[in-house]
Amino acid sequence: MAVPKRKMSRSNTRARRANWKATAPTLATCDRCRAPKLPHVACPSCGTYNRRQVRFAD
């Protein structure tokens, strides 16, 4: 197993970690109620998926 020979500096460590960014989730609009929802997921407001009722809305 590879082991580093020297301690990595703080600037190098932080420069490497600077690329770990959180991205905003992609939202799609529901075909039935036009509410924003995650793609390929049942709509949380009306409970439809692929134009079919799959669960009861809360």
Protein backbone atom coordinates (compact mmCIF):
# COMPACT_ATOMS: atom_id res chain seq x y z
CA MET A 1 0.00 0.00 0.00
CA ALA A 2 1.34 3.44 -0.90
CA VAL A 3 2.21 5.71 2.03
CA PRO A 4 3.23 9.38 1.64
CA LYS A 5 6.87 10.13 2.46
CA ARG A 6 6.24 13.70 3.56
CA LYS A 7 3.44 15.58 5.28
CA MET A 8 1.21 17.36 2.79
CA SER A 9 1.11 21.12 3.39
CA ARG A 10 -2.08 22.92 4.39
CA SER A 11 -2.18 24.87 1.14
CA ASN A 12 -1.92 21.72 -0.97
CA THR A 13 -4.53 19.97 1.16
CA ARG A 14 -6.93 22.91 0.90
CA ALA A 15 -6.30 23.30 -2.82
CA ARG A 16 -7.22 19.66 -3.33
CA ARG A 17 -10.34 19.97 -1.20
CA ALA A 18 -11.44 23.15 -2.98
CA ASN A 19 -12.84 21.02 -5.80
CA TRP A 20 -15.25 19.19 -3.46
CA LYS A 21 -18.28 21.37 -4.13
CA ALA A 22 -21.91 20.59 -3.53
CA THR A 23 -24.11 21.03 -6.59
CA ALA A 24 -27.73 22.10 -6.55
CA PRO A 25 -30.10 19.26 -7.49
CA THR A 26 -31.57 19.34 -10.99
CA LEU A 27 -35.29 20.01 -10.88
CA ALA A 28 -37.92 19.10 -13.45
CA THR A 29 -41.54 20.26 -13.60
CA CYS A 30 -44.35 17.84 -12.95
CA ASP A 31 -46.51 17.17 -16.03
CA ARG A 32 -49.71 17.28 -14.02
CA CYS A 33 -49.36 19.98 -11.36
CA ARG A 34 -46.28 21.89 -12.67
CA ALA A 35 -44.58 21.66 -9.26
CA PRO A 36 -40.78 21.32 -9.17
CA LYS A 37 -39.62 17.76 -8.52
CA LEU A 38 -36.55 15.58 -8.91
CA PRO A 39 -36.34 13.81 -12.28
CA HIS A 40 -37.20 10.08 -12.30
CA VAL A 41 -38.96 10.44 -8.92
CA ALA A 42 -42.67 10.57 -8.09
CA CYS A 43 -44.02 14.09 -7.59
CA PRO A 44 -44.22 14.92 -3.86
CA SER A 45 -47.21 17.24 -4.28
CA CYS A 46 -49.58 15.23 -6.50
CA GLY A 47 -48.08 11.72 -6.33
CA THR A 48 -47.81 10.99 -10.05
CA TYR A 49 -44.97 9.41 -11.98
CA ASN A 50 -44.88 9.04 -15.76
CA ARG A 51 -48.45 10.43 -15.94
CA ARG A 52 -49.79 7.72 -13.58
CA GLN A 53 -50.94 7.98 -9.98
CA VAL A 54 -48.45 5.94 -7.96
CA ARG A 55 -48.98 7.16 -4.40
CA PHE A 56 -51.36 9.26 -2.38
CA ALA A 57 -50.40 12.90 -1.95
CA ASP A 58 -49.81 13.97 1.65
